[in-house]
Amino acid sequence: MRDKEATRDKILNAAEHVFAEKGYHGTLVDEIAESSKTSKGAIYFHFPSKEEIFFALMDRFANAVIEDIKQTISKERGALNKIEASLEFVLQSLVKRKRLAKLLLIHGHGLGPVYEKKRLEIYDRFADVIELHLQEAVDDGSIPPLDVEITAHAWLGAISELVIRWLYTGGPEPLERMHPALTALFLRGIGARPSKLN
C-alpha cells in the first residue's frame, strides 16, 4: 500500500514539474513517466488520463492549503481573528506554491467545462472554511447578521482576480502586500474593523 502511495506521489511531483515547464497541453504522458522514473503503465494504473493527473494536482493543492489554514487559525482566538489569519495565510501559501498556483489557475482554463466544474468544487471547499468563521462571528455578535454563503464566495472571487493578476503581471510584489487593504475592505464590508487597525 505504501509503495502504491509513494509511486502516486512520485508521479504527481513529476507531473507538477513537467506541466509547469511545458503547460498542460504541451505535456505528454511519456514525459511524466520519464520524469517520474516510472512506466506509462504505472501512470495509467493510478490515473486514467492526463486530465485526471491534473485534477489530482488541484486536489492536492487544495488539501494542503486548507489543512494549513485550519492549523494556522486553530491558534487564533475569536472568529474575526481567525478570518484575518486565514486571509494572510492564503496569500503566504500562494507565494510558497506560486508555480503550482499558476499552473492550476491559468493553464487549466483550456480544459473547458470539466475544469470549471473542478475549480468550483475546490472554491466551494475554501468557501466552506470562510463561511464557518463568518457564521461564528455573526453568532458571537462580532458582526451584524449577513448571508455568509454569498459573502464567502464574493471574497473568494475578489481574491481569485487579484491572484490571477499577480500571476500574470508579477504585481503587487510581494503578494502579501495585498493583505492589509484586502482585510480592511472585507471586514469593513461586513461591519467589522481589522484588529490591526484597532
N, C-alpha and C. Protein backbone atom coordinates (compact mmCIF):
# COMPACT_ATOMS: atom_id res chain seq x y z
N MET A 1 0.83 -1.21 0.00
CA MET A 1 0.00 0.00 0.00
C MET A 1 0.86 1.26 0.00
N ARG A 2 1.91 1.25 0.86
CA ARG A 2 2.80 2.41 0.93
C ARG A 2 3.54 2.61 -0.39
N ASP A 3 3.91 1.49 -1.04
CA ASP A 3 4.61 1.58 -2.32
C ASP A 3 3.72 2.24 -3.38
N LYS A 4 2.42 1.88 -3.36
CA LYS A 4 1.48 2.49 -4.31
C LYS A 4 1.35 3.99 -4.07
N GLU A 5 1.25 4.38 -2.80
CA GLU A 5 1.14 5.80 -2.46
C GLU A 5 2.41 6.55 -2.83
N ALA A 6 3.55 5.91 -2.60
CA ALA A 6 4.84 6.54 -2.95
C ALA A 6 4.95 6.75 -4.45
N THR A 7 4.52 5.73 -5.21
CA THR A 7 4.55 5.85 -6.68
C THR A 7 3.61 6.95 -7.15
N ARG A 8 2.43 7.00 -6.57
CA ARG A 8 1.44 8.03 -6.93
C ARG A 8 2.00 9.42 -6.66
N ASP A 9 2.62 9.60 -5.50
CA ASP A 9 3.21 10.90 -5.16
C ASP A 9 4.35 11.25 -6.11
N LYS A 10 5.14 10.26 -6.46
CA LYS A 10 6.25 10.48 -7.38
C LYS A 10 5.74 10.96 -8.74
N ILE A 11 4.65 10.34 -9.19
CA ILE A 11 4.05 10.74 -10.47
C ILE A 11 3.52 12.17 -10.39
N LEU A 12 2.84 12.49 -9.29
CA LEU A 12 2.29 13.85 -9.15
C LEU A 12 3.40 14.89 -9.06
N ASN A 13 4.47 14.59 -8.34
CA ASN A 13 5.59 15.53 -8.24
C ASN A 13 6.20 15.79 -9.61
N ALA A 14 6.37 14.71 -10.37
CA ALA A 14 6.93 14.85 -11.72
C ALA A 14 5.98 15.61 -12.63
N ALA A 15 4.69 15.29 -12.53
CA ALA A 15 3.70 15.97 -13.37
C ALA A 15 3.67 17.46 -13.08
N GLU A 16 3.74 17.82 -11.81
CA GLU A 16 3.76 19.24 -11.46
C GLU A 16 4.93 19.95 -12.14
N HIS A 17 6.09 19.32 -12.11
CA HIS A 17 7.28 19.92 -12.71
C HIS A 17 7.13 20.04 -14.23
N VAL A 18 6.68 18.95 -14.88
CA VAL A 18 6.59 18.95 -16.35
C VAL A 18 5.47 19.88 -16.82
N PHE A 19 4.31 19.85 -16.15
CA PHE A 19 3.21 20.75 -16.51
C PHE A 19 3.66 22.21 -16.39
N ALA A 20 4.37 22.52 -15.31
CA ALA A 20 4.80 23.91 -15.08
C ALA A 20 5.78 24.36 -16.16
N GLU A 21 6.59 23.43 -16.63
CA GLU A 21 7.59 23.77 -17.65
C GLU A 21 6.98 23.86 -19.04
N LYS A 22 6.06 22.94 -19.37
CA LYS A 22 5.57 22.85 -20.75
C LYS A 22 4.10 23.20 -20.91
N GLY A 23 3.40 23.43 -19.79
CA GLY A 23 1.96 23.68 -19.86
C GLY A 23 1.21 22.37 -19.98
N TYR A 24 -0.08 22.42 -19.67
CA TYR A 24 -0.87 21.19 -19.70
C TYR A 24 -0.89 20.58 -21.11
N HIS A 25 -1.23 21.39 -22.11
CA HIS A 25 -1.41 20.86 -23.46
C HIS A 25 -0.09 20.45 -24.10
N GLY A 26 1.01 21.06 -23.67
CA GLY A 26 2.32 20.72 -24.24
C GLY A 26 2.98 19.52 -23.59
N THR A 27 2.35 18.97 -22.57
CA THR A 27 2.94 17.84 -21.83
C THR A 27 2.42 16.50 -22.35
N LEU A 28 3.33 15.57 -22.53
CA LEU A 28 2.97 14.21 -22.90
C LEU A 28 3.07 13.30 -21.68
N VAL A 29 2.21 12.29 -21.62
CA VAL A 29 2.27 11.33 -20.51
C VAL A 29 3.63 10.65 -20.48
N ASP A 30 4.22 10.41 -21.66
CA ASP A 30 5.55 9.81 -21.73
C ASP A 30 6.58 10.65 -20.98
N GLU A 31 6.43 11.98 -21.06
CA GLU A 31 7.37 12.87 -20.37
C GLU A 31 7.20 12.80 -18.85
N ILE A 32 5.96 12.62 -18.41
CA ILE A 32 5.72 12.46 -16.97
C ILE A 32 6.32 11.14 -16.50
N ALA A 33 6.17 10.08 -17.31
CA ALA A 33 6.73 8.78 -16.97
C ALA A 33 8.26 8.87 -16.87
N GLU A 34 8.86 9.56 -17.84
CA GLU A 34 10.32 9.70 -17.83
C GLU A 34 10.79 10.50 -16.62
N SER A 35 10.10 11.61 -16.34
CA SER A 35 10.50 12.47 -15.23
C SER A 35 10.30 11.78 -13.88
N SER A 36 9.26 10.96 -13.77
CA SER A 36 8.97 10.27 -12.50
C SER A 36 9.72 8.96 -12.35
N LYS A 37 10.45 8.58 -13.44
CA LYS A 37 11.16 7.29 -13.45
C LYS A 37 10.21 6.12 -13.17
N THR A 38 9.02 6.23 -13.78
CA THR A 38 8.04 5.15 -13.72
C THR A 38 7.66 4.78 -15.15
N SER A 39 6.78 3.85 -15.31
CA SER A 39 6.33 3.46 -16.65
C SER A 39 5.00 4.13 -16.97
N LYS A 40 4.70 4.16 -18.25
CA LYS A 40 3.40 4.68 -18.68
C LYS A 40 2.28 3.83 -18.08
N GLY A 41 2.51 2.54 -17.99
CA GLY A 41 1.51 1.64 -17.39
C GLY A 41 1.26 1.97 -15.93
N ALA A 42 2.32 2.33 -15.20
CA ALA A 42 2.17 2.71 -13.79
C ALA A 42 1.33 3.98 -13.67
N ILE A 43 1.56 4.90 -14.59
CA ILE A 43 0.79 6.15 -14.57
C ILE A 43 -0.70 5.85 -14.80
N TYR A 44 -0.99 5.04 -15.81
CA TYR A 44 -2.39 4.75 -16.12
C TYR A 44 -3.04 3.85 -15.07
N PHE A 45 -2.23 3.15 -14.28
CA PHE A 45 -2.78 2.39 -13.16
C PHE A 45 -3.36 3.34 -12.11
N HIS A 46 -2.65 4.45 -11.87
CA HIS A 46 -3.08 5.41 -10.86
C HIS A 46 -4.03 6.48 -11.40
N PHE A 47 -3.85 6.82 -12.68
CA PHE A 47 -4.64 7.91 -13.27
C PHE A 47 -5.12 7.50 -14.67
N PRO A 48 -6.42 7.49 -14.89
CA PRO A 48 -6.94 7.05 -16.20
C PRO A 48 -6.53 7.95 -17.36
N SER A 49 -6.17 9.20 -17.08
CA SER A 49 -5.85 10.13 -18.16
C SER A 49 -4.96 11.25 -17.65
N LYS A 50 -4.39 12.01 -18.57
CA LYS A 50 -3.59 13.18 -18.21
C LYS A 50 -4.43 14.19 -17.45
N GLU A 51 -5.68 14.30 -17.86
CA GLU A 51 -6.61 15.22 -17.20
C GLU A 51 -6.78 14.85 -15.72
N GLU A 52 -6.87 13.56 -15.43
CA GLU A 52 -7.02 13.11 -14.05
C GLU A 52 -5.77 13.41 -13.21
N ILE A 53 -4.61 13.38 -13.84
CA ILE A 53 -3.38 13.77 -13.13
C ILE A 53 -3.49 15.24 -12.73
N PHE A 54 -3.93 16.05 -13.67
CA PHE A 54 -4.07 17.49 -13.43
C PHE A 54 -5.06 17.76 -12.30
N PHE A 55 -6.19 17.06 -12.33
CA PHE A 55 -7.19 17.25 -11.28
C PHE A 55 -6.68 16.76 -9.92
N ALA A 56 -5.89 15.69 -9.93
CA ALA A 56 -5.30 15.21 -8.68
C ALA A 56 -4.35 16.27 -8.10
N LEU A 57 -3.64 16.98 -8.97
CA LEU A 57 -2.78 18.07 -8.50
C LEU A 57 -3.61 19.20 -7.91
N MET A 58 -4.76 19.49 -8.52
CA MET A 58 -5.66 20.51 -7.97
C MET A 58 -6.13 20.12 -6.57
N ASP A 59 -6.51 18.84 -6.42
CA ASP A 59 -6.97 18.36 -5.11
C ASP A 59 -5.85 18.42 -4.09
N ARG A 60 -4.65 18.02 -4.49
CA ARG A 60 -3.52 18.02 -3.56
C ARG A 60 -3.20 19.44 -3.10
N PHE A 61 -3.25 20.38 -4.03
CA PHE A 61 -3.01 21.78 -3.71
C PHE A 61 -4.06 22.28 -2.71
N ALA A 62 -5.34 22.01 -3.01
CA ALA A 62 -6.42 22.47 -2.13
C ALA A 62 -6.32 21.82 -0.75
N ASN A 63 -6.05 20.52 -0.72
CA ASN A 63 -5.94 19.81 0.56
C ASN A 63 -4.84 20.41 1.43
N ALA A 64 -3.69 20.68 0.80
CA ALA A 64 -2.54 21.21 1.55
C ALA A 64 -2.85 22.59 2.10
N VAL A 65 -3.43 23.47 1.27
CA VAL A 65 -3.71 24.83 1.71
C VAL A 65 -4.78 24.84 2.81
N ILE A 66 -5.85 24.06 2.61
CA ILE A 66 -6.94 24.04 3.60
C ILE A 66 -6.45 23.47 4.93
N GLU A 67 -5.67 22.42 4.87
CA GLU A 67 -5.14 21.82 6.11
C GLU A 67 -4.24 22.81 6.84
N ASP A 68 -3.39 23.51 6.07
CA ASP A 68 -2.50 24.51 6.68
C ASP A 68 -3.30 25.67 7.28
N ILE A 69 -4.38 26.08 6.59
CA ILE A 69 -5.23 27.16 7.12
C ILE A 69 -5.85 26.73 8.44
N LYS A 70 -6.36 25.51 8.48
CA LYS A 70 -7.01 25.03 9.71
C LYS A 70 -6.02 25.01 10.87
N GLN A 71 -4.80 24.58 10.60
CA GLN A 71 -3.80 24.55 11.66
C GLN A 71 -3.43 25.96 12.10
N THR A 72 -3.32 26.87 11.13
CA THR A 72 -2.95 28.25 11.45
C THR A 72 -4.02 28.93 12.30
N ILE A 73 -5.28 28.81 11.90
CA ILE A 73 -6.33 29.54 12.61
C ILE A 73 -6.72 28.87 13.92
N SER A 74 -6.31 27.61 14.11
CA SER A 74 -6.61 26.96 15.38
C SER A 74 -5.86 27.64 16.53
N LYS A 75 -4.81 28.38 16.20
CA LYS A 75 -4.03 29.09 17.23
C LYS A 75 -4.63 30.44 17.57
N GLU A 76 -5.62 30.88 16.78
CA GLU A 76 -6.22 32.20 16.99
C GLU A 76 -7.48 32.09 17.85
N ARG A 77 -7.75 33.17 18.59
CA ARG A 77 -9.00 33.23 19.37
C ARG A 77 -9.91 34.27 18.75
N GLY A 78 -11.19 33.93 18.67
CA GLY A 78 -12.17 34.85 18.11
C GLY A 78 -12.32 34.66 16.62
N ALA A 79 -13.56 34.69 16.16
CA ALA A 79 -13.86 34.42 14.75
C ALA A 79 -13.20 35.42 13.81
N LEU A 80 -13.21 36.71 14.17
CA LEU A 80 -12.62 37.71 13.28
C LEU A 80 -11.11 37.55 13.17
N ASN A 81 -10.46 37.24 14.29
CA ASN A 81 -9.02 36.99 14.24
C ASN A 81 -8.70 35.79 13.36
N LYS A 82 -9.56 34.78 13.41
CA LYS A 82 -9.36 33.59 12.57
C LYS A 82 -9.52 33.95 11.09
N ILE A 83 -10.48 34.81 10.79
CA ILE A 83 -10.69 35.23 9.40
C ILE A 83 -9.48 36.01 8.89
N GLU A 84 -8.99 36.95 9.69
CA GLU A 84 -7.81 37.72 9.30
C GLU A 84 -6.60 36.82 9.09
N ALA A 85 -6.39 35.90 10.03
CA ALA A 85 -5.24 34.99 9.94
C ALA A 85 -5.33 34.11 8.70
N SER A 86 -6.54 33.65 8.37
CA SER A 86 -6.69 32.77 7.20
C SER A 86 -6.43 33.53 5.91
N LEU A 87 -6.86 34.79 5.82
CA LEU A 87 -6.58 35.59 4.63
C LEU A 87 -5.08 35.78 4.44
N GLU A 88 -4.41 36.11 5.53
CA GLU A 88 -2.96 36.32 5.46
C GLU A 88 -2.26 35.03 5.06
N PHE A 89 -2.70 33.92 5.64
CA PHE A 89 -2.03 32.66 5.36
C PHE A 89 -2.25 32.22 3.92
N VAL A 90 -3.45 32.43 3.38
CA VAL A 90 -3.70 32.04 1.98
C VAL A 90 -2.72 32.74 1.05
N LEU A 91 -2.49 34.03 1.27
CA LEU A 91 -1.55 34.77 0.43
C LEU A 91 -0.14 34.22 0.58
N GLN A 92 0.28 33.95 1.80
CA GLN A 92 1.61 33.38 2.03
C GLN A 92 1.74 32.02 1.37
N SER A 93 0.68 31.23 1.45
CA SER A 93 0.70 29.89 0.88
C SER A 93 0.79 29.94 -0.64
N LEU A 94 0.12 30.90 -1.26
CA LEU A 94 0.19 31.04 -2.72
C LEU A 94 1.58 31.45 -3.17
N VAL A 95 2.23 32.30 -2.39
CA VAL A 95 3.61 32.69 -2.72
C VAL A 95 4.51 31.46 -2.66
N LYS A 96 4.34 30.65 -1.63
CA LYS A 96 5.15 29.45 -1.44
C LYS A 96 4.90 28.44 -2.56
N ARG A 97 3.69 28.43 -3.08
CA ARG A 97 3.33 27.45 -4.12
C ARG A 97 3.00 28.16 -5.44
N LYS A 98 3.75 29.19 -5.76
CA LYS A 98 3.42 30.04 -6.92
C LYS A 98 3.37 29.24 -8.22
N ARG A 99 4.36 28.36 -8.43
CA ARG A 99 4.40 27.59 -9.67
C ARG A 99 3.15 26.75 -9.84
N LEU A 100 2.73 26.10 -8.76
CA LEU A 100 1.54 25.26 -8.82
C LEU A 100 0.28 26.10 -8.96
N ALA A 101 0.23 27.24 -8.26
CA ALA A 101 -0.93 28.13 -8.37
C ALA A 101 -1.09 28.62 -9.81
N LYS A 102 0.02 28.98 -10.45
CA LYS A 102 -0.04 29.45 -11.84
C LYS A 102 -0.52 28.34 -12.76
N LEU A 103 0.00 27.16 -12.54
CA LEU A 103 -0.40 26.01 -13.35
C LEU A 103 -1.90 25.75 -13.24
N LEU A 104 -2.42 25.76 -12.02
CA LEU A 104 -3.81 25.38 -11.80
C LEU A 104 -4.80 26.50 -12.14
N LEU A 105 -4.41 27.75 -11.88
CA LEU A 105 -5.34 28.86 -12.09
C LEU A 105 -5.31 29.42 -13.51
N ILE A 106 -4.20 29.22 -14.21
CA ILE A 106 -4.08 29.81 -15.56
C ILE A 106 -4.11 28.73 -16.64
N HIS A 107 -3.26 27.71 -16.51
CA HIS A 107 -3.17 26.69 -17.56
C HIS A 107 -4.42 25.81 -17.65
N GLY A 108 -5.16 25.69 -16.55
CA GLY A 108 -6.31 24.80 -16.55
C GLY A 108 -7.49 25.27 -17.37
N HIS A 109 -7.55 26.57 -17.69
CA HIS A 109 -8.73 27.10 -18.38
C HIS A 109 -8.97 26.45 -19.73
N GLY A 110 -7.92 25.97 -20.36
CA GLY A 110 -8.08 25.34 -21.67
C GLY A 110 -8.80 24.01 -21.61
N LEU A 111 -9.05 23.50 -20.41
CA LEU A 111 -9.72 22.20 -20.27
C LEU A 111 -11.24 22.32 -20.37
N GLY A 112 -11.76 23.54 -20.39
CA GLY A 112 -13.19 23.74 -20.60
C GLY A 112 -14.07 23.43 -19.40
N PRO A 113 -15.31 22.98 -19.65
CA PRO A 113 -16.30 22.78 -18.59
C PRO A 113 -15.87 21.84 -17.47
N VAL A 114 -15.11 20.78 -17.81
CA VAL A 114 -14.71 19.84 -16.75
C VAL A 114 -13.77 20.52 -15.76
N TYR A 115 -12.91 21.39 -16.28
CA TYR A 115 -12.02 22.15 -15.40
C TYR A 115 -12.83 23.10 -14.53
N GLU A 116 -13.79 23.80 -15.14
CA GLU A 116 -14.61 24.75 -14.39
C GLU A 116 -15.38 24.05 -13.28
N LYS A 117 -15.87 22.87 -13.56
CA LYS A 117 -16.59 22.11 -12.54
C LYS A 117 -15.66 21.77 -11.37
N LYS A 118 -14.45 21.34 -11.69
CA LYS A 118 -13.47 21.01 -10.65
C LYS A 118 -13.06 22.25 -9.87
N ARG A 119 -12.86 23.35 -10.58
CA ARG A 119 -12.46 24.60 -9.93
C ARG A 119 -13.54 25.06 -8.95
N LEU A 120 -14.79 24.99 -9.37
CA LEU A 120 -15.89 25.39 -8.50
C LEU A 120 -16.00 24.48 -7.28
N GLU A 121 -15.73 23.20 -7.48
CA GLU A 121 -15.74 22.26 -6.35
C GLU A 121 -14.69 22.66 -5.31
N ILE A 122 -13.51 23.04 -5.78
CA ILE A 122 -12.44 23.44 -4.86
C ILE A 122 -12.76 24.80 -4.23
N TYR A 123 -13.31 25.73 -5.01
CA TYR A 123 -13.71 27.03 -4.44
C TYR A 123 -14.75 26.83 -3.34
N ASP A 124 -15.67 25.89 -3.55
CA ASP A 124 -16.69 25.62 -2.53
C ASP A 124 -16.04 25.15 -1.23
N ARG A 125 -14.98 24.37 -1.34
CA ARG A 125 -14.29 23.90 -0.14
C ARG A 125 -13.64 25.07 0.61
N PHE A 126 -13.03 25.98 -0.13
CA PHE A 126 -12.45 27.17 0.51
C PHE A 126 -13.55 28.04 1.11
N ALA A 127 -14.64 28.18 0.36
CA ALA A 127 -15.77 29.00 0.85
C ALA A 127 -16.34 28.43 2.13
N ASP A 128 -16.38 27.11 2.25
CA ASP A 128 -16.91 26.47 3.47
C ASP A 128 -16.12 26.90 4.71
N VAL A 129 -14.80 27.01 4.56
CA VAL A 129 -13.95 27.43 5.69
C VAL A 129 -14.28 28.87 6.07
N ILE A 130 -14.42 29.74 5.07
CA ILE A 130 -14.74 31.14 5.33
C ILE A 130 -16.13 31.26 5.96
N GLU A 131 -17.08 30.54 5.38
CA GLU A 131 -18.46 30.58 5.89
C GLU A 131 -18.53 30.20 7.36
N LEU A 132 -17.78 29.17 7.73
CA LEU A 132 -17.79 28.68 9.11
C LEU A 132 -17.43 29.80 10.07
N HIS A 133 -16.37 30.54 9.76
CA HIS A 133 -15.90 31.58 10.69
C HIS A 133 -16.73 32.86 10.58
N LEU A 134 -17.30 33.11 9.41
CA LEU A 134 -18.24 34.23 9.31
C LEU A 134 -19.47 33.96 10.18
N GLN A 135 -19.96 32.73 10.13
CA GLN A 135 -21.13 32.40 10.94
C GLN A 135 -20.80 32.49 12.42
N GLU A 136 -19.60 32.08 12.81
CA GLU A 136 -19.17 32.22 14.20
C GLU A 136 -19.17 33.69 14.62
N ALA A 137 -18.70 34.56 13.71
CA ALA A 137 -18.66 36.00 14.01
C ALA A 137 -20.07 36.57 14.15
N VAL A 138 -21.00 36.09 13.32
CA VAL A 138 -22.40 36.52 13.45
C VAL A 138 -22.96 36.02 14.78
N ASP A 139 -22.71 34.76 15.08
CA ASP A 139 -23.26 34.14 16.29
C ASP A 139 -22.74 34.79 17.57
N ASP A 140 -21.47 35.21 17.57
CA ASP A 140 -20.93 35.81 18.80
C ASP A 140 -21.12 37.33 18.85
N GLY A 141 -21.82 37.87 17.83
CA GLY A 141 -22.14 39.30 17.85
C GLY A 141 -21.03 40.20 17.36
N SER A 142 -19.96 39.62 16.80
CA SER A 142 -18.84 40.45 16.30
C SER A 142 -19.23 41.25 15.07
N ILE A 143 -20.17 40.70 14.28
CA ILE A 143 -20.64 41.39 13.07
C ILE A 143 -22.16 41.24 12.99
N PRO A 144 -22.82 42.14 12.26
CA PRO A 144 -24.28 42.02 12.09
C PRO A 144 -24.63 40.78 11.26
N PRO A 145 -25.87 40.31 11.35
CA PRO A 145 -26.29 39.17 10.52
C PRO A 145 -26.08 39.43 9.03
N LEU A 146 -25.65 38.40 8.31
CA LEU A 146 -25.44 38.54 6.86
C LEU A 146 -25.53 37.17 6.22
N ASP A 147 -25.58 37.16 4.89
CA ASP A 147 -25.61 35.91 4.14
C ASP A 147 -24.16 35.43 4.01
N VAL A 148 -23.78 34.47 4.84
CA VAL A 148 -22.38 34.06 4.88
C VAL A 148 -21.96 33.33 3.60
N GLU A 149 -22.88 32.65 2.95
CA GLU A 149 -22.53 31.94 1.71
C GLU A 149 -22.16 32.91 0.61
N ILE A 150 -23.01 33.93 0.39
CA ILE A 150 -22.72 34.91 -0.66
C ILE A 150 -21.46 35.68 -0.33
N THR A 151 -21.30 36.08 0.93
CA THR A 151 -20.11 36.84 1.34
C THR A 151 -18.84 36.04 1.09
N ALA A 152 -18.84 34.77 1.49
CA ALA A 152 -17.66 33.93 1.32
C ALA A 152 -17.28 33.79 -0.15
N HIS A 153 -18.26 33.59 -1.02
CA HIS A 153 -17.96 33.45 -2.45
C HIS A 153 -17.54 34.78 -3.07
N ALA A 154 -18.09 35.89 -2.60
CA ALA A 154 -17.67 37.20 -3.09
C ALA A 154 -16.21 37.46 -2.72
N TRP A 155 -15.85 37.12 -1.49
CA TRP A 155 -14.45 37.27 -1.08
C TRP A 155 -13.52 36.42 -1.93
N LEU A 156 -13.91 35.17 -2.16
CA LEU A 156 -13.08 34.28 -2.98
C LEU A 156 -12.92 34.81 -4.40
N GLY A 157 -14.00 35.37 -4.95
CA GLY A 157 -13.92 35.94 -6.29
C GLY A 157 -12.92 37.08 -6.35
N ALA A 158 -12.94 37.94 -5.35
CA ALA A 158 -12.01 39.07 -5.30
C ALA A 158 -10.57 38.58 -5.17
N ILE A 159 -10.36 37.62 -4.26
CA ILE A 159 -9.01 37.08 -4.07
C ILE A 159 -8.52 36.43 -5.36
N SER A 160 -9.38 35.66 -6.00
CA SER A 160 -9.00 34.96 -7.23
C SER A 160 -8.58 35.95 -8.32
N GLU A 161 -9.34 37.03 -8.50
CA GLU A 161 -9.00 38.03 -9.53
C GLU A 161 -7.64 38.66 -9.24
N LEU A 162 -7.40 39.00 -7.99
CA LEU A 162 -6.13 39.64 -7.62
C LEU A 162 -4.96 38.68 -7.77
N VAL A 163 -5.17 37.42 -7.42
CA VAL A 163 -4.10 36.43 -7.53
C VAL A 163 -3.78 36.15 -9.00
N ILE A 164 -4.81 36.03 -9.84
CA ILE A 164 -4.57 35.80 -11.27
C ILE A 164 -3.82 36.99 -11.88
N ARG A 165 -4.18 38.20 -11.47
CA ARG A 165 -3.45 39.39 -11.95
C ARG A 165 -1.99 39.31 -11.53
N TRP A 166 -1.75 38.91 -10.28
CA TRP A 166 -0.38 38.78 -9.77
C TRP A 166 0.40 37.73 -10.56
N LEU A 167 -0.25 36.60 -10.88
CA LEU A 167 0.41 35.55 -11.62
C LEU A 167 0.78 35.99 -13.03
N TYR A 168 -0.06 36.82 -13.64
CA TYR A 168 0.21 37.30 -14.99
C TYR A 168 1.23 38.44 -15.01
N THR A 169 1.09 39.37 -14.07
CA THR A 169 1.87 40.61 -14.13
C THR A 169 3.03 40.68 -13.13
N GLY A 170 2.97 39.83 -12.10
CA GLY A 170 4.00 39.91 -11.06
C GLY A 170 3.72 40.96 -10.01
N GLY A 171 2.58 41.64 -10.10
CA GLY A 171 2.27 42.69 -9.13
C GLY A 171 0.96 42.43 -8.42
N PRO A 172 0.77 42.82 -7.18
CA PRO A 172 1.81 43.50 -6.39
C PRO A 172 2.88 42.52 -5.92
N GLU A 173 4.05 43.04 -5.70
CA GLU A 173 5.16 42.22 -5.21
C GLU A 173 5.72 42.87 -3.95
N PRO A 174 5.75 42.19 -2.85
CA PRO A 174 5.29 40.82 -2.66
C PRO A 174 3.77 40.73 -2.59
N LEU A 175 3.23 39.56 -2.87
CA LEU A 175 1.77 39.36 -2.88
C LEU A 175 1.17 39.71 -1.52
N GLU A 176 1.91 39.43 -0.45
CA GLU A 176 1.38 39.67 0.89
C GLU A 176 1.05 41.14 1.13
N ARG A 177 1.57 42.01 0.26
CA ARG A 177 1.28 43.45 0.40
C ARG A 177 -0.22 43.73 0.24
N MET A 178 -0.94 42.80 -0.38
CA MET A 178 -2.39 42.96 -0.54
C MET A 178 -3.15 42.80 0.78
N HIS A 179 -2.53 42.10 1.73
CA HIS A 179 -3.27 41.66 2.91
C HIS A 179 -3.94 42.80 3.69
N PRO A 180 -3.23 43.88 4.08
CA PRO A 180 -3.91 44.92 4.88
C PRO A 180 -5.11 45.55 4.16
N ALA A 181 -4.92 45.90 2.88
CA ALA A 181 -6.01 46.54 2.14
C ALA A 181 -7.18 45.58 1.93
N LEU A 182 -6.86 44.33 1.62
CA LEU A 182 -7.90 43.34 1.38
C LEU A 182 -8.67 43.06 2.67
N THR A 183 -7.95 42.91 3.76
CA THR A 183 -8.59 42.64 5.05
C THR A 183 -9.49 43.80 5.46
N ALA A 184 -8.98 45.03 5.31
CA ALA A 184 -9.78 46.20 5.66
C ALA A 184 -11.04 46.27 4.81
N LEU A 185 -10.89 46.03 3.52
CA LEU A 185 -12.05 46.06 2.60
C LEU A 185 -13.08 45.02 2.99
N PHE A 186 -12.64 43.78 3.21
CA PHE A 186 -13.56 42.70 3.53
C PHE A 186 -14.25 42.92 4.87
N LEU A 187 -13.46 43.22 5.90
CA LEU A 187 -14.05 43.31 7.24
C LEU A 187 -14.93 44.55 7.40
N ARG A 188 -14.53 45.66 6.83
CA ARG A 188 -15.40 46.85 6.90
C ARG A 188 -16.70 46.62 6.13
N GLY A 189 -16.60 45.81 5.08
CA GLY A 189 -17.79 45.49 4.30
C GLY A 189 -18.82 44.68 5.07
N ILE A 190 -18.39 44.01 6.13
CA ILE A 190 -19.33 43.22 6.94
C ILE A 190 -19.54 43.85 8.32
N GLY A 191 -19.13 45.13 8.45
CA GLY A 191 -19.41 45.85 9.69
C GLY A 191 -18.42 45.58 10.80
N ALA A 192 -17.17 45.20 10.45
CA ALA A 192 -16.15 44.94 11.45
C ALA A 192 -14.92 45.77 11.14
N ARG A 193 -14.02 45.87 12.13
CA ARG A 193 -12.75 46.55 11.91
C ARG A 193 -11.62 45.54 12.02
N PRO A 194 -10.63 45.61 11.08
CA PRO A 194 -9.47 44.74 11.22
C PRO A 194 -8.79 44.97 12.57
N SER A 195 -8.40 43.91 13.24
CA SER A 195 -7.83 44.04 14.58
C SER A 195 -6.55 44.85 14.57
N LYS A 196 -5.78 44.80 13.47
CA LYS A 196 -4.53 45.52 13.42
C LYS A 196 -4.73 47.02 13.28
N LEU A 197 -5.99 47.44 13.00
CA LEU A 197 -6.27 48.86 12.88
C LEU A 197 -6.97 49.39 14.12
N ASN A 198 -7.29 48.51 15.05
CA ASN A 198 -7.98 48.94 16.27
C ASN A 198 -7.05 49.71 17.18
